[in-house]
N, C-alpha and C. Protein backbone atom coordinates (compact mmCIF):
# COMPACT_ATOMS: atom_id res chain seq x y z
N MET A 1 10.24 8.26 2.06
CA MET A 1 9.54 7.26 1.55
C MET A 1 9.80 5.87 0.78
N CYS A 2 10.60 6.17 0.24
CA CYS A 2 11.34 5.61 -1.35
C CYS A 2 12.58 4.97 -0.45
N ARG A 3 12.74 5.69 0.20
CA ARG A 3 13.85 4.61 1.26
C ARG A 3 13.86 3.36 2.00
N HIS A 4 12.49 3.17 2.62
CA HIS A 4 12.43 2.55 3.23
C HIS A 4 11.16 1.62 2.63
N LEU A 5 10.59 1.78 1.81
CA LEU A 5 9.93 0.52 0.64
C LEU A 5 11.02 -0.20 -0.30
N HIS A 6 11.97 0.72 -0.56
CA HIS A 6 12.55 -0.13 -1.22
C HIS A 6 13.61 -1.69 0.01
N GLY A 7 14.40 -1.01 1.03
CA GLY A 7 14.46 -1.24 1.89
C GLY A 7 13.54 -2.76 2.42
N MET A 8 12.48 -2.41 2.83
CA MET A 8 11.43 -3.26 3.03
C MET A 8 11.32 -4.24 1.91
N ARG A 9 11.53 -4.17 0.64
CA ARG A 9 11.42 -5.36 -0.84
C ARG A 9 12.14 -5.60 -0.59
N LEU A 10 13.33 -5.57 -0.30
CA LEU A 10 15.42 -6.07 -0.61
C LEU A 10 14.81 -6.98 0.94
N ALA A 11 14.17 -6.14 2.26
CA ALA A 11 14.20 -7.51 2.37
C ALA A 11 13.70 -8.67 2.78
N GLY A 12 12.54 -8.41 1.57
CA GLY A 12 11.97 -9.87 1.43
C GLY A 12 9.72 -9.67 2.09
N PHE A 13 10.21 -8.51 3.34
CA PHE A 13 8.75 -8.33 3.18
C PHE A 13 7.20 -8.70 1.76
N PHE A 14 8.11 -7.85 0.79
CA PHE A 14 6.38 -8.02 -0.15
C PHE A 14 6.62 -9.70 -0.76
N ASP A 15 7.46 -10.20 -0.53
CA ASP A 15 7.61 -11.58 -1.07
C ASP A 15 6.41 -12.23 -1.65
N GLY A 16 6.28 -12.70 -2.13
CA GLY A 16 4.50 -13.80 -2.38
C GLY A 16 3.32 -12.97 -2.12
N ALA A 17 3.14 -11.64 -2.39
CA ALA A 17 2.30 -10.39 -2.19
C ALA A 17 1.64 -10.56 -3.48
N ALA A 18 0.40 -10.66 -3.45
CA ALA A 18 -1.12 -10.94 -4.24
C ALA A 18 -0.81 -9.32 -5.08
N ALA A 19 -0.77 -8.55 -3.77
CA ALA A 19 -0.76 -6.72 -4.56
C ALA A 19 -0.46 -6.30 -3.22
N VAL A 20 -0.47 -4.66 -3.52
CA VAL A 20 0.32 -3.99 -2.17
C VAL A 20 -1.12 -2.74 -1.79
N LEU A 21 -1.09 -2.72 -0.88
CA LEU A 21 -1.92 -1.79 -0.17
C LEU A 21 -1.41 -0.18 0.58
N VAL A 22 -1.43 0.66 -0.09
CA VAL A 22 -0.87 1.99 0.42
C VAL A 22 -1.63 3.16 1.35
N GLY A 23 -1.59 3.33 2.34
CA GLY A 23 -2.36 4.01 3.28
C GLY A 23 -2.29 5.53 2.92
N ARG A 24 -3.14 6.65 2.99
CA ARG A 24 -3.31 8.24 2.39
C ARG A 24 -2.23 8.43 3.12
N THR A 25 -1.78 9.79 3.08
CA THR A 25 -0.17 9.86 4.11
C THR A 25 -0.78 12.02 4.09
N SER A 26 -0.95 12.59 4.76
CA SER A 26 -0.54 14.36 5.04
C SER A 26 0.91 14.32 5.15
N ALA A 27 1.99 13.57 4.52
CA ALA A 27 3.18 13.56 4.51
C ALA A 27 3.69 14.57 3.15
N PRO A 28 4.48 15.90 2.91
CA PRO A 28 4.82 16.36 2.18
C PRO A 28 5.60 15.36 1.21
N ASP A 29 5.50 16.16 -0.17
CA ASP A 29 5.90 15.54 -1.41
C ASP A 29 7.19 15.94 -1.53
N GLY A 30 7.65 15.04 -1.10
CA GLY A 30 9.98 15.41 -2.01
C GLY A 30 10.41 16.02 -2.79
N ALA A 31 11.33 16.69 -2.60
CA ALA A 31 11.98 18.02 -3.74
C ALA A 31 11.97 17.32 -5.01
N THR A 32 12.50 15.97 -5.37
CA THR A 32 12.43 14.89 -6.44
C THR A 32 11.45 13.93 -6.56
N LEU A 33 10.56 13.58 -5.36
CA LEU A 33 9.61 13.00 -6.13
C LEU A 33 8.25 13.03 -5.64
N THR A 34 7.29 12.76 -5.56
CA THR A 34 5.75 13.05 -5.18
C THR A 34 6.11 11.47 -4.13
N GLN A 35 4.87 11.62 -3.47
CA GLN A 35 4.65 9.91 -2.38
C GLN A 35 3.79 9.38 -3.12
N HIS A 36 3.40 9.51 -4.38
CA HIS A 36 3.22 8.33 -5.49
C HIS A 36 4.03 8.24 -6.29
N GLU A 37 5.03 8.98 -6.52
CA GLU A 37 6.83 8.44 -7.42
C GLU A 37 6.70 7.67 -6.69
N ALA A 38 6.97 7.88 -5.26
CA ALA A 38 8.13 7.29 -4.32
C ALA A 38 7.46 5.98 -3.96
N VAL A 39 6.23 5.52 -4.14
CA VAL A 39 5.64 4.58 -3.47
C VAL A 39 6.20 3.27 -4.92
N MET A 40 5.99 4.37 -6.51
CA MET A 40 6.14 3.32 -7.18
C MET A 40 7.60 2.87 -7.70
N ASP A 41 8.29 3.30 -7.66
CA ASP A 41 10.07 3.82 -7.65
C ASP A 41 10.27 2.38 -6.77
N ALA A 42 9.68 2.44 -5.96
CA ALA A 42 10.14 1.15 -5.09
C ALA A 42 9.68 -0.02 -5.61
N LEU A 43 8.35 -0.02 -5.47
CA LEU A 43 7.45 -0.79 -5.69
C LEU A 43 6.71 -1.51 -7.33
N ASP A 44 7.01 -0.82 -8.20
CA ASP A 44 6.53 -1.29 -9.33
C ASP A 44 7.23 -2.66 -10.00
N VAL A 45 8.43 -2.66 -9.79
CA VAL A 45 9.41 -4.03 -9.75
C VAL A 45 8.72 -5.49 -9.19
N LEU A 46 7.39 -5.28 -8.50
CA LEU A 46 7.15 -6.60 -8.05
C LEU A 46 6.14 -7.08 -8.82
N GLY A 47 5.40 -6.54 -10.06
CA GLY A 47 4.67 -6.76 -10.60
C GLY A 47 3.22 -6.94 -10.28
N VAL A 48 2.91 -6.42 -9.23
CA VAL A 48 2.03 -6.90 -8.59
C VAL A 48 0.81 -5.06 -8.77
N PRO A 49 -0.63 -5.35 -8.50
CA PRO A 49 -1.33 -4.40 -8.82
C PRO A 49 -0.68 -3.70 -6.92
N VAL A 50 -1.05 -1.91 -6.99
CA VAL A 50 -0.29 -1.14 -6.06
C VAL A 50 -1.20 -0.38 -5.37
N VAL A 51 -2.58 -0.54 -4.79
CA VAL A 51 -3.24 0.55 -4.54
C VAL A 51 -3.01 1.28 -3.29
N ALA A 52 -3.12 2.81 -3.97
CA ALA A 52 -2.69 3.97 -3.00
C ALA A 52 -3.93 4.14 -2.82
N ASP A 53 -3.61 5.26 -1.61
CA ASP A 53 -4.52 6.45 -0.32
C ASP A 53 -6.16 5.43 -0.21
N VAL A 54 -5.16 4.32 0.15
CA VAL A 54 -6.24 3.28 1.15
C VAL A 54 -6.53 4.27 2.27
N GLU A 55 -8.08 4.27 2.87
CA GLU A 55 -8.50 4.40 3.68
C GLU A 55 -7.52 4.02 5.37
N CYS A 56 -6.63 3.52 5.30
CA CYS A 56 -6.12 3.16 6.38
C CYS A 56 -4.80 3.74 6.86
N GLY A 57 -4.52 3.39 8.55
CA GLY A 57 -2.98 3.91 8.58
C GLY A 57 -3.18 5.31 9.61
N HIS A 58 -2.45 5.91 9.45
CA HIS A 58 -2.13 7.47 9.65
C HIS A 58 -3.22 8.62 9.84
N VAL A 59 -3.94 8.39 8.81
CA VAL A 59 -4.77 9.45 8.45
C VAL A 59 -6.01 9.29 8.61
N ALA A 60 -7.19 10.25 8.98
CA ALA A 60 -8.57 9.49 9.01
C ALA A 60 -9.13 9.46 8.12
N PRO A 61 -9.75 8.27 7.60
CA PRO A 61 -10.59 7.47 9.00
C PRO A 61 -10.68 6.23 9.51
N HIS A 62 -8.79 5.87 9.21
CA HIS A 62 -8.12 4.79 10.34
C HIS A 62 -8.86 3.50 9.90
N LEU A 63 -9.01 3.29 9.19
CA LEU A 63 -10.01 2.31 8.27
C LEU A 63 -8.91 0.70 9.15
N PRO A 64 -9.40 0.40 10.29
CA PRO A 64 -8.56 -0.68 11.23
C PRO A 64 -8.50 -2.23 9.95
N LEU A 65 -7.26 -2.92 10.19
CA LEU A 65 -6.97 -4.38 8.39
C LEU A 65 -6.11 -4.89 10.00
N VAL A 66 -6.53 -5.77 10.05
CA VAL A 66 -6.65 -7.02 10.94
C VAL A 66 -4.78 -7.28 10.82
N ASN A 67 -3.96 -7.62 11.37
CA ASN A 67 -2.71 -8.31 10.49
C ASN A 67 -2.71 -9.60 10.73
N GLY A 68 -2.22 -9.88 9.57
CA GLY A 68 -2.62 -11.60 9.56
C GLY A 68 -3.67 -12.10 8.33
N ALA A 69 -4.85 -11.35 9.12
CA ALA A 69 -5.75 -11.88 8.31
C ALA A 69 -5.90 -11.82 6.72
N LEU A 70 -6.33 -12.52 6.18
CA LEU A 70 -6.72 -12.78 4.33
C LEU A 70 -7.61 -11.64 4.41
N ALA A 71 -7.61 -11.29 2.89
CA ALA A 71 -8.07 -10.51 2.77
C ALA A 71 -8.65 -9.95 1.00
N ARG A 72 -9.64 -10.19 0.80
CA ARG A 72 -10.13 -9.56 -0.70
C ARG A 72 -10.27 -8.50 -1.13
N VAL A 73 -9.31 -8.02 -1.61
CA VAL A 73 -9.62 -6.81 -1.75
C VAL A 73 -9.93 -6.41 -3.93
N GLU A 74 -11.54 -5.93 -3.91
CA GLU A 74 -12.03 -4.93 -5.04
C GLU A 74 -11.63 -3.61 -5.36
N HIS A 75 -11.48 -3.67 -6.31
CA HIS A 75 -11.28 -2.05 -7.08
C HIS A 75 -11.33 -1.88 -8.05
N SER A 76 -12.07 -1.00 -9.29
CA SER A 76 -12.59 -0.42 -9.81
C SER A 76 -12.81 1.25 -9.67
N ALA A 77 -12.86 1.74 -11.06
CA ALA A 77 -12.99 3.52 -10.94
C ALA A 77 -14.18 3.88 -10.25
N THR A 78 -15.45 3.02 -9.85
CA THR A 78 -16.24 3.98 -9.14
C THR A 78 -16.03 2.87 -7.61
N THR A 79 -15.88 1.90 -7.64
CA THR A 79 -15.87 2.02 -6.01
C THR A 79 -14.56 1.08 -5.57
N SER A 80 -14.65 0.58 -4.06
CA SER A 80 -13.52 -0.06 -3.76
C SER A 80 -14.10 -0.99 -1.85
N ALA A 81 -13.26 -1.82 -2.13
CA ALA A 81 -13.89 -2.54 -0.49
C ALA A 81 -12.75 -3.64 -0.40
N ILE A 82 -12.75 -3.98 0.62
CA ILE A 82 -11.83 -5.03 1.60
C ILE A 82 -12.67 -5.61 2.33
N THR A 83 -12.24 -6.69 1.81
CA THR A 83 -13.28 -7.55 3.12
C THR A 83 -12.33 -8.68 3.61
N GLN A 84 -12.36 -8.57 4.92
CA GLN A 84 -11.25 -9.56 5.52
C GLN A 84 -11.81 -10.66 6.21
N THR A 85 -10.88 -11.64 6.34
CA THR A 85 -11.24 -12.95 6.77
C THR A 85 -10.52 -13.59 7.77
N LEU A 86 -10.42 -14.33 8.98
CA LEU A 86 -9.86 -14.57 10.06
C LEU A 86 -10.12 -15.85 10.01
N SER A 87 -9.16 -16.71 9.92
CA SER A 87 -9.27 -17.80 10.19
C SER A 87 -8.55 -19.13 11.22
């Protein structure tokens, strides 16, 4: 995961991002890094909020997110919400 995220970052995938959402994974931790450590190793240098364990992606409940939609993300210790807007 770390290598893939570094590659995406270096290719400009996250340029202009206001935040990064990372879905939950059932993948095991590596020998030297946990999944969370791998994400932070690659993305911490972006200087934007990184929200991990989002209920989207390859692990149930598979929250659908529309590619290209604008989204407002609200996250606190007690609640989280994603509101997508299609224009």
